[in-house]
Every structure is written in C-alpha cells, then in structure tokens.
C-alpha cells in the first residue's frame, strides 16, 4: 500500500477487520497454515491487490492473524 496515494487511505481501516473475519471463517472450516493462505490470498487480491507490496505481505499477514486467533502468535516481551 502506498500511503502517499490518498486514494488508498479510505480502504486501509477496513482491511484488518476483513482479514480477521475471513481468517476466522476459514478456521471454522478447518483451514490452517499454508492452506489457509492459499484459500484467502486470491480473495484478498481482488479487494486489496492494487496496494503496493500486497504480494509480499498477504500470505504472512494471513498466517499472523491465524496464529493470533489461535492464541499461538509470538509476542515480543
């Protein structure tokens, strides 16, 4: 995402709740890890694919939210 392009700003706050919802729904269907990312990245690509670095961050973000919702995300102390 390029913040210097103000057209991206209105959609940015909606990305996190959308990602949490999609991951939660996929988890309920038994998806985890790489399979979860493979299932969700194409859907996220349709909505957020024009953001700079989307391809670089999409899979890691899905995996982070997966770990966060399962309570296994490592948090620096």
PDB file of N, CA and C in Angstrom:
ATOM      1  N   UNK A   1       0.838  -1.170   0.000  1.00  0.00           N
ATOM      2  CA  UNK A   1       0.000   0.000   0.000  1.00  0.00           C
ATOM      3  C   UNK A   1       0.879   1.227   0.000  1.00  0.00           C
ATOM      4  N   UNK A   2       0.532   2.172  -0.826  1.00  0.00           N
ATOM      5  CA  UNK A   2       1.296   3.416  -0.875  1.00  0.00           C
ATOM      6  C   UNK A   2       0.482   4.495  -0.168  1.00  0.00           C
ATOM      7  N   UNK A   3       0.975   4.940   0.973  1.00  0.00           N
ATOM      8  CA  UNK A   3       0.256   5.964   1.715  1.00  0.00           C
ATOM      9  C   UNK A   3       0.338   7.327   1.047  1.00  0.00           C
ATOM     10  N   UNK A   4       1.325   7.521   0.180  1.00  0.00           N
ATOM     11  CA  UNK A   4       1.421   8.811  -0.492  1.00  0.00           C
ATOM     12  C   UNK A   4       0.271   8.997  -1.481  1.00  0.00           C
ATOM     13  N   UNK A   5      -0.429   7.920  -1.800  1.00  0.00           N
ATOM     14  CA  UNK A   5      -1.581   7.980  -2.685  1.00  0.00           C
ATOM     15  C   UNK A   5      -2.827   7.955  -1.804  1.00  0.00           C
ATOM     16  N   UNK A   6      -3.433   9.099  -1.584  1.00  0.00           N
ATOM     17  CA  UNK A   6      -4.547   9.205  -0.639  1.00  0.00           C
ATOM     18  C   UNK A   6      -5.753   8.362  -1.027  1.00  0.00           C
ATOM     19  N   UNK A   7      -5.823   7.895  -2.267  1.00  0.00           N
ATOM     20  CA  UNK A   7      -6.941   7.039  -2.655  1.00  0.00           C
ATOM     21  C   UNK A   7      -6.904   5.712  -1.904  1.00  0.00           C
ATOM     22  N   UNK A   8      -5.744   5.313  -1.398  1.00  0.00           N
ATOM     23  CA  UNK A   8      -5.625   4.061  -0.652  1.00  0.00           C
ATOM     24  C   UNK A   8      -6.092   4.194   0.797  1.00  0.00           C
ATOM     25  N   UNK A   9      -6.070   5.376   1.336  1.00  0.00           N
ATOM     26  CA  UNK A   9      -6.364   5.558   2.749  1.00  0.00           C
ATOM     27  C   UNK A   9      -7.776   5.155   3.165  1.00  0.00           C
ATOM     28  N   UNK A  10      -8.817   5.455   2.402  1.00  0.00           N
ATOM     29  CA  UNK A  10     -10.146   5.067   2.871  1.00  0.00           C
ATOM     30  C   UNK A  10     -10.325   3.565   3.049  1.00  0.00           C
ATOM     31  N   UNK A  11      -9.645   2.738   2.267  1.00  0.00           N
ATOM     32  CA  UNK A  11      -9.827   1.297   2.384  1.00  0.00           C
ATOM     33  C   UNK A  11      -8.930   0.668   3.441  1.00  0.00           C
ATOM     34  N   UNK A  12      -7.884   1.346   3.872  1.00  0.00           N
ATOM     35  CA  UNK A  12      -6.939   0.757   4.817  1.00  0.00           C
ATOM     36  C   UNK A  12      -7.593   0.322   6.126  1.00  0.00           C
ATOM     37  N   UNK A  13      -8.422   1.145   6.782  1.00  0.00           N
ATOM     38  CA  UNK A  13      -9.005   0.694   8.049  1.00  0.00           C
ATOM     39  C   UNK A  13      -9.907  -0.524   7.917  1.00  0.00           C
ATOM     40  N   UNK A  14     -10.452  -0.785   6.748  1.00  0.00           N
ATOM     41  CA  UNK A  14     -11.337  -1.940   6.583  1.00  0.00           C
ATOM     42  C   UNK A  14     -10.567  -3.236   6.380  1.00  0.00           C
ATOM     43  N   UNK A  15      -9.275  -3.164   6.054  1.00  0.00           N
ATOM     44  CA  UNK A  15      -8.512  -4.373   5.749  1.00  0.00           C
ATOM     45  C   UNK A  15      -8.374  -5.286   6.955  1.00  0.00           C
ATOM     46  N   UNK A  16      -8.043  -4.745   8.112  1.00  0.00           N
ATOM     47  CA  UNK A  16      -7.805  -5.593   9.283  1.00  0.00           C
ATOM     48  C   UNK A  16      -9.060  -6.340   9.727  1.00  0.00           C
ATOM     49  N   UNK A  17     -10.204  -5.681   9.905  1.00  0.00           N
ATOM     50  CA  UNK A  17     -11.409  -6.446  10.279  1.00  0.00           C
ATOM     51  C   UNK A  17     -11.810  -7.464   9.209  1.00  0.00           C
ATOM     52  N   UNK A  18     -11.640  -7.110   7.946  1.00  0.00           N
ATOM     53  CA  UNK A  18     -11.954  -8.046   6.867  1.00  0.00           C
ATOM     54  C   UNK A  18     -11.049  -9.260   6.956  1.00  0.00           C
ATOM     55  N   UNK A  19      -9.766  -9.034   7.162  1.00  0.00           N
ATOM     56  CA  UNK A  19      -8.815 -10.133   7.263  1.00  0.00           C
ATOM     57  C   UNK A  19      -9.130 -11.021   8.463  1.00  0.00           C
ATOM     58  N   UNK A  20      -9.431 -10.415   9.602  1.00  0.00           N
ATOM     59  CA  UNK A  20      -9.793 -11.198  10.790  1.00  0.00           C
ATOM     60  C   UNK A  20     -11.040 -12.043  10.523  1.00  0.00           C
ATOM     61  N   UNK A  21     -12.040 -11.459   9.885  1.00  0.00           N
ATOM     62  CA  UNK A  21     -13.275 -12.185   9.595  1.00  0.00           C
ATOM     63  C   UNK A  21     -13.018 -13.358   8.651  1.00  0.00           C
ATOM     64  N   UNK A  22     -12.285 -13.091   7.577  1.00  0.00           N
ATOM     65  CA  UNK A  22     -12.006 -14.151   6.605  1.00  0.00           C
ATOM     66  C   UNK A  22     -11.195 -15.290   7.214  1.00  0.00           C
ATOM     67  N   UNK A  23     -10.200 -14.953   8.008  1.00  0.00           N
ATOM     68  CA  UNK A  23      -9.382 -15.989   8.658  1.00  0.00           C
ATOM     69  C   UNK A  23     -10.232 -16.796   9.632  1.00  0.00           C
ATOM     70  N   UNK A  24     -11.050 -16.111  10.410  1.00  0.00           N
ATOM     71  CA  UNK A  24     -11.914 -16.789  11.373  1.00  0.00           C
ATOM     72  C   UNK A  24     -12.873 -17.751  10.675  1.00  0.00           C
ATOM     73  N   UNK A  25     -13.460 -17.313   9.571  1.00  0.00           N
ATOM     74  CA  UNK A  25     -14.382 -18.162   8.812  1.00  0.00           C
ATOM     75  C   UNK A  25     -13.657 -19.373   8.231  1.00  0.00           C
ATOM     76  N   UNK A  26     -12.452 -19.159   7.708  1.00  0.00           N
ATOM     77  CA  UNK A  26     -11.684 -20.264   7.142  1.00  0.00           C
ATOM     78  C   UNK A  26     -11.244 -21.242   8.232  1.00  0.00           C
ATOM     79  N   UNK A  27     -10.892 -20.730   9.398  1.00  0.00           N
ATOM     80  CA  UNK A  27     -10.522 -21.599  10.517  1.00  0.00           C
ATOM     81  C   UNK A  27     -11.701 -22.485  10.904  1.00  0.00           C
ATOM     82  N   UNK A  28     -12.899 -21.915  10.894  1.00  0.00           N
ATOM     83  CA  UNK A  28     -14.100 -22.679  11.240  1.00  0.00           C
ATOM     84  C   UNK A  28     -14.332 -23.831  10.260  1.00  0.00           C
ATOM     85  N   UNK A  29     -13.795 -23.684   9.049  1.00  0.00           N
ATOM     86  CA  UNK A  29     -13.907 -24.738   8.035  1.00  0.00           C
ATOM     87  C   UNK A  29     -12.719 -25.690   8.080  1.00  0.00           C
ATOM     88  N   UNK A  30     -11.844 -25.514   9.087  1.00  0.00           N
ATOM     89  CA  UNK A  30     -10.728 -26.419   9.276  1.00  0.00           C
ATOM     90  C   UNK A  30      -9.437 -26.018   8.579  1.00  0.00           C
ATOM     91  N   UNK A  31      -9.390 -24.834   7.983  1.00  0.00           N
ATOM     92  CA  UNK A  31      -8.176 -24.391   7.286  1.00  0.00           C
ATOM     93  C   UNK A  31      -7.188 -23.831   8.300  1.00  0.00           C
ATOM     94  N   UNK A  32      -5.916 -24.157   8.106  1.00  0.00           N
ATOM     95  CA  UNK A  32      -4.843 -23.601   8.927  1.00  0.00           C
ATOM     96  C   UNK A  32      -3.590 -23.474   8.067  1.00  0.00           C
ATOM     97  N   UNK A  33      -2.653 -22.687   8.540  1.00  0.00           N
ATOM     98  CA  UNK A  33      -1.344 -22.577   7.910  1.00  0.00           C
ATOM     99  C   UNK A  33      -1.390 -22.227   6.438  1.00  0.00           C
ATOM    100  N   UNK A  34      -0.548 -22.886   5.665  1.00  0.00           N
ATOM    101  CA  UNK A  34      -0.408 -22.590   4.242  1.00  0.00           C
ATOM    102  C   UNK A  34      -1.722 -22.755   3.492  1.00  0.00           C
ATOM    103  N   UNK A  35      -2.504 -23.760   3.833  1.00  0.00           N
ATOM    104  CA  UNK A  35      -3.802 -23.973   3.174  1.00  0.00           C
ATOM    105  C   UNK A  35      -4.727 -22.789   3.404  1.00  0.00           C
ATOM    106  N   UNK A  36      -4.633 -22.207   4.573  1.00  0.00           N
ATOM    107  CA  UNK A  36      -5.437 -21.024   4.888  1.00  0.00           C
ATOM    108  C   UNK A  36      -5.036 -19.864   3.991  1.00  0.00           C
ATOM    109  N   UNK A  37      -3.743 -19.632   3.863  1.00  0.00           N
ATOM    110  CA  UNK A  37      -3.255 -18.572   2.992  1.00  0.00           C
ATOM    111  C   UNK A  37      -3.644 -18.799   1.548  1.00  0.00           C
ATOM    112  N   UNK A  38      -3.505 -20.035   1.081  1.00  0.00           N
ATOM    113  CA  UNK A  38      -3.858 -20.352  -0.302  1.00  0.00           C
ATOM    114  C   UNK A  38      -5.338 -20.131  -0.567  1.00  0.00           C
ATOM    115  N   UNK A  39      -6.155 -20.318   0.440  1.00  0.00           N
ATOM    116  CA  UNK A  39      -7.595 -20.118   0.288  1.00  0.00           C
ATOM    117  C   UNK A  39      -7.972 -18.639   0.300  1.00  0.00           C
ATOM    118  N   UNK A  40      -7.261 -17.841   1.092  1.00  0.00           N
ATOM    119  CA  UNK A  40      -7.677 -16.449   1.294  1.00  0.00           C
ATOM    120  C   UNK A  40      -6.980 -15.426   0.408  1.00  0.00           C
ATOM    121  N   UNK A  41      -5.737 -15.654   0.053  1.00  0.00           N
ATOM    122  CA  UNK A  41      -4.998 -14.649  -0.716  1.00  0.00           C
ATOM    123  C   UNK A  41      -5.707 -14.287  -2.025  1.00  0.00           C
ATOM    124  N   UNK A  42      -6.254 -15.239  -2.783  1.00  0.00           N
ATOM    125  CA  UNK A  42      -6.960 -14.834  -4.008  1.00  0.00           C
ATOM    126  C   UNK A  42      -8.158 -13.908  -3.739  1.00  0.00           C
ATOM    127  N   UNK A  43      -8.872 -14.165  -2.664  1.00  0.00           N
ATOM    128  CA  UNK A  43      -9.999 -13.298  -2.315  1.00  0.00           C
ATOM    129  C   UNK A  43      -9.519 -11.907  -1.904  1.00  0.00           C
ATOM    130  N   UNK A  44      -8.464 -11.858  -1.127  1.00  0.00           N
ATOM    131  CA  UNK A  44      -7.904 -10.570  -0.713  1.00  0.00           C
ATOM    132  C   UNK A  44      -7.315  -9.817  -1.904  1.00  0.00           C
ATOM    133  N   UNK A  45      -6.759 -10.553  -2.843  1.00  0.00           N
ATOM    134  CA  UNK A  45      -6.180  -9.951  -4.042  1.00  0.00           C
ATOM    135  C   UNK A  45      -7.215  -9.133  -4.807  1.00  0.00           C
ATOM    136  N   UNK A  46      -8.436  -9.629  -4.871  1.00  0.00           N
ATOM    137  CA  UNK A  46      -9.496  -8.911  -5.577  1.00  0.00           C
ATOM    138  C   UNK A  46      -9.768  -7.545  -4.956  1.00  0.00           C
ATOM    139  N   UNK A  47      -9.695  -7.465  -3.645  1.00  0.00           N
ATOM    140  CA  UNK A  47     -10.033  -6.214  -2.952  1.00  0.00           C
ATOM    141  C   UNK A  47      -8.824  -5.316  -2.707  1.00  0.00           C
ATOM    142  N   UNK A  48      -7.672  -5.907  -2.398  1.00  0.00           N
ATOM    143  CA  UNK A  48      -6.515  -5.123  -1.974  1.00  0.00           C
ATOM    144  C   UNK A  48      -5.296  -5.299  -2.867  1.00  0.00           C
ATOM    145  N   UNK A  49      -5.423  -6.006  -3.958  1.00  0.00           N
ATOM    146  CA  UNK A  49      -4.286  -6.339  -4.813  1.00  0.00           C
ATOM    147  C   UNK A  49      -3.559  -5.152  -5.411  1.00  0.00           C
ATOM    148  N   UNK A  50      -4.228  -4.012  -5.502  1.00  0.00           N
ATOM    149  CA  UNK A  50      -3.575  -2.833  -6.083  1.00  0.00           C
ATOM    150  C   UNK A  50      -2.624  -2.148  -5.100  1.00  0.00           C
ATOM    151  N   UNK A  51      -2.651  -2.556  -3.852  1.00  0.00           N
ATOM    152  CA  UNK A  51      -1.752  -1.967  -2.862  1.00  0.00           C
ATOM    153  C   UNK A  51      -0.321  -2.382  -3.179  1.00  0.00           C
ATOM    154  N   UNK A  52       0.586  -1.440  -3.074  1.00  0.00           N
ATOM    155  CA  UNK A  52       2.000  -1.779  -3.226  1.00  0.00           C
ATOM    156  C   UNK A  52       2.402  -2.805  -2.176  1.00  0.00           C
ATOM    157  N   UNK A  53       3.210  -3.757  -2.541  1.00  0.00           N
ATOM    158  CA  UNK A  53       3.720  -4.813  -1.662  1.00  0.00           C
ATOM    159  C   UNK A  53       2.656  -5.818  -1.226  1.00  0.00           C
ATOM    160  N   UNK A  54       1.458  -5.783  -1.826  1.00  0.00           N
ATOM    161  CA  UNK A  54       0.421  -6.740  -1.433  1.00  0.00           C
ATOM    162  C   UNK A  54       0.942  -8.170  -1.528  1.00  0.00           C
ATOM    163  N   UNK A  55       1.548  -8.504  -2.649  1.00  0.00           N
ATOM    164  CA  UNK A  55       2.014  -9.876  -2.854  1.00  0.00           C
ATOM    165  C   UNK A  55       3.059 -10.293  -1.835  1.00  0.00           C
ATOM    166  N   UNK A  56       3.831  -9.348  -1.358  1.00  0.00           N
ATOM    167  CA  UNK A  56       4.868  -9.638  -0.376  1.00  0.00           C
ATOM    168  C   UNK A  56       4.283  -9.899   1.013  1.00  0.00           C
ATOM    169  N   UNK A  57       3.249  -9.138   1.386  1.00  0.00           N
ATOM    170  CA  UNK A  57       2.717  -9.199   2.747  1.00  0.00           C
ATOM    171  C   UNK A  57       1.456 -10.043   2.926  1.00  0.00           C
ATOM    172  N   UNK A  58       0.752 -10.381   1.869  1.00  0.00           N
ATOM    173  CA  UNK A  58      -0.549 -11.043   2.005  1.00  0.00           C
ATOM    174  C   UNK A  58      -0.456 -12.362   2.773  1.00  0.00           C
ATOM    175  N   UNK A  59       0.368 -13.280   2.317  1.00  0.00           N
ATOM    176  CA  UNK A  59       0.479 -14.592   2.971  1.00  0.00           C
ATOM    177  C   UNK A  59       0.971 -14.456   4.419  1.00  0.00           C
ATOM    178  N   UNK A  60       2.037 -13.685   4.689  1.00  0.00           N
ATOM    179  CA  UNK A  60       2.463 -13.537   6.092  1.00  0.00           C
ATOM    180  C   UNK A  60       1.385 -12.916   6.979  1.00  0.00           C
ATOM    181  N   UNK A  61       0.616 -11.970   6.448  1.00  0.00           N
ATOM    182  CA  UNK A  61      -0.453 -11.357   7.248  1.00  0.00           C
ATOM    183  C   UNK A  61      -1.534 -12.373   7.591  1.00  0.00           C
ATOM    184  N   UNK A  62      -1.906 -13.195   6.630  1.00  0.00           N
ATOM    185  CA  UNK A  62      -2.901 -14.239   6.885  1.00  0.00           C
ATOM    186  C   UNK A  62      -2.389 -15.184   7.965  1.00  0.00           C
ATOM    187  N   UNK A  63      -1.134 -15.595   7.861  1.00  0.00           N
ATOM    188  CA  UNK A  63      -0.563 -16.513   8.847  1.00  0.00           C
ATOM    189  C   UNK A  63      -0.465 -15.870  10.227  1.00  0.00           C
ATOM    190  N   UNK A  64      -0.154 -14.575  10.285  1.00  0.00           N
ATOM    191  CA  UNK A  64      -0.107 -13.862  11.568  1.00  0.00           C
ATOM    192  C   UNK A  64      -1.479 -13.821  12.231  1.00  0.00           C
ATOM    193  N   UNK A  65      -2.507 -13.515  11.450  1.00  0.00           N
ATOM    194  CA  UNK A  65      -3.862 -13.451  12.008  1.00  0.00           C
ATOM    195  C   UNK A  65      -4.314 -14.844  12.423  1.00  0.00           C
ATOM    196  N   UNK A  66      -3.964 -15.858  11.654  1.00  0.00           N
ATOM    197  CA  UNK A  66      -4.277 -17.239  12.023  1.00  0.00           C
ATOM    198  C   UNK A  66      -3.690 -17.556  13.394  1.00  0.00           C
ATOM    199  N   UNK A  67      -2.407 -17.262  13.572  1.00  0.00           N
ATOM    200  CA  UNK A  67      -1.747 -17.528  14.856  1.00  0.00           C
ATOM    201  C   UNK A  67      -2.344 -16.679  15.974  1.00  0.00           C
ATOM    202  N   UNK A  68      -2.664 -15.436  15.673  1.00  0.00           N
ATOM    203  CA  UNK A  68      -3.257 -14.550  16.687  1.00  0.00           C
ATOM    204  C   UNK A  68      -4.593 -15.108  17.167  1.00  0.00           C
ATOM    205  N   UNK A  69      -5.449 -15.507  16.249  1.00  0.00           N
ATOM    206  CA  UNK A  69      -6.769 -16.009  16.621  1.00  0.00           C
ATOM    207  C   UNK A  69      -6.698 -17.364  17.323  1.00  0.00           C
ATOM    208  N   UNK A  70      -5.667 -18.151  17.044  1.00  0.00           N
ATOM    209  CA  UNK A  70      -5.491 -19.434  17.726  1.00  0.00           C
ATOM    210  C   UNK A  70      -4.744 -19.285  19.051  1.00  0.00           C
ATOM    211  N   UNK A  71      -4.234 -18.075  19.324  1.00  0.00           N
ATOM    212  CA  UNK A  71      -3.506 -17.838  20.563  1.00  0.00           C
ATOM    213  C   UNK A  71      -2.077 -18.338  20.552  1.00  0.00           C
ATOM    214  N   UNK A  72      -1.506 -18.529  19.367  1.00  0.00           N
ATOM    215  CA  UNK A  72      -0.144 -19.045  19.273  1.00  0.00           C
ATOM    216  C   UNK A  72       0.835 -18.027  18.698  1.00  0.00           C
ATOM    217  N   UNK A  73       0.389 -16.816  18.461  1.00  0.00           N
ATOM    218  CA  UNK A  73       1.274 -15.789  17.883  1.00  0.00           C
ATOM    219  C   UNK A  73       2.320 -15.385  18.907  1.00  0.00           C
ATOM    220  N   UNK A  74       3.561 -15.348  18.450  1.00  0.00           N
ATOM    221  CA  UNK A  74       4.644 -14.929  19.331  1.00  0.00           C
ATOM    222  C   UNK A  74       4.597 -13.415  19.484  1.00  0.00           C
ATOM    223  N   UNK A  75       4.629 -12.960  20.712  1.00  0.00           N
ATOM    224  CA  UNK A  75       4.611 -11.534  21.014  1.00  0.00           C
ATOM    225  C   UNK A  75       5.900 -11.189  21.733  1.00  0.00           C
ATOM    226  N   UNK A  76       6.669 -10.240  21.199  1.00  0.00           N
ATOM    227  CA  UNK A  76       7.911  -9.867  21.877  1.00  0.00           C
ATOM    228  C   UNK A  76       7.645  -9.372  23.292  1.00  0.00           C
ATOM    229  N   UNK A  77       8.501  -9.783  24.203  1.00  0.00           N
ATOM    230  CA  UNK A  77       8.360  -9.379  25.607  1.00  0.00           C
ATOM    231  C   UNK A  77       9.342  -8.290  25.949  1.00  0.00           C
TER     232      UNK A  77
END
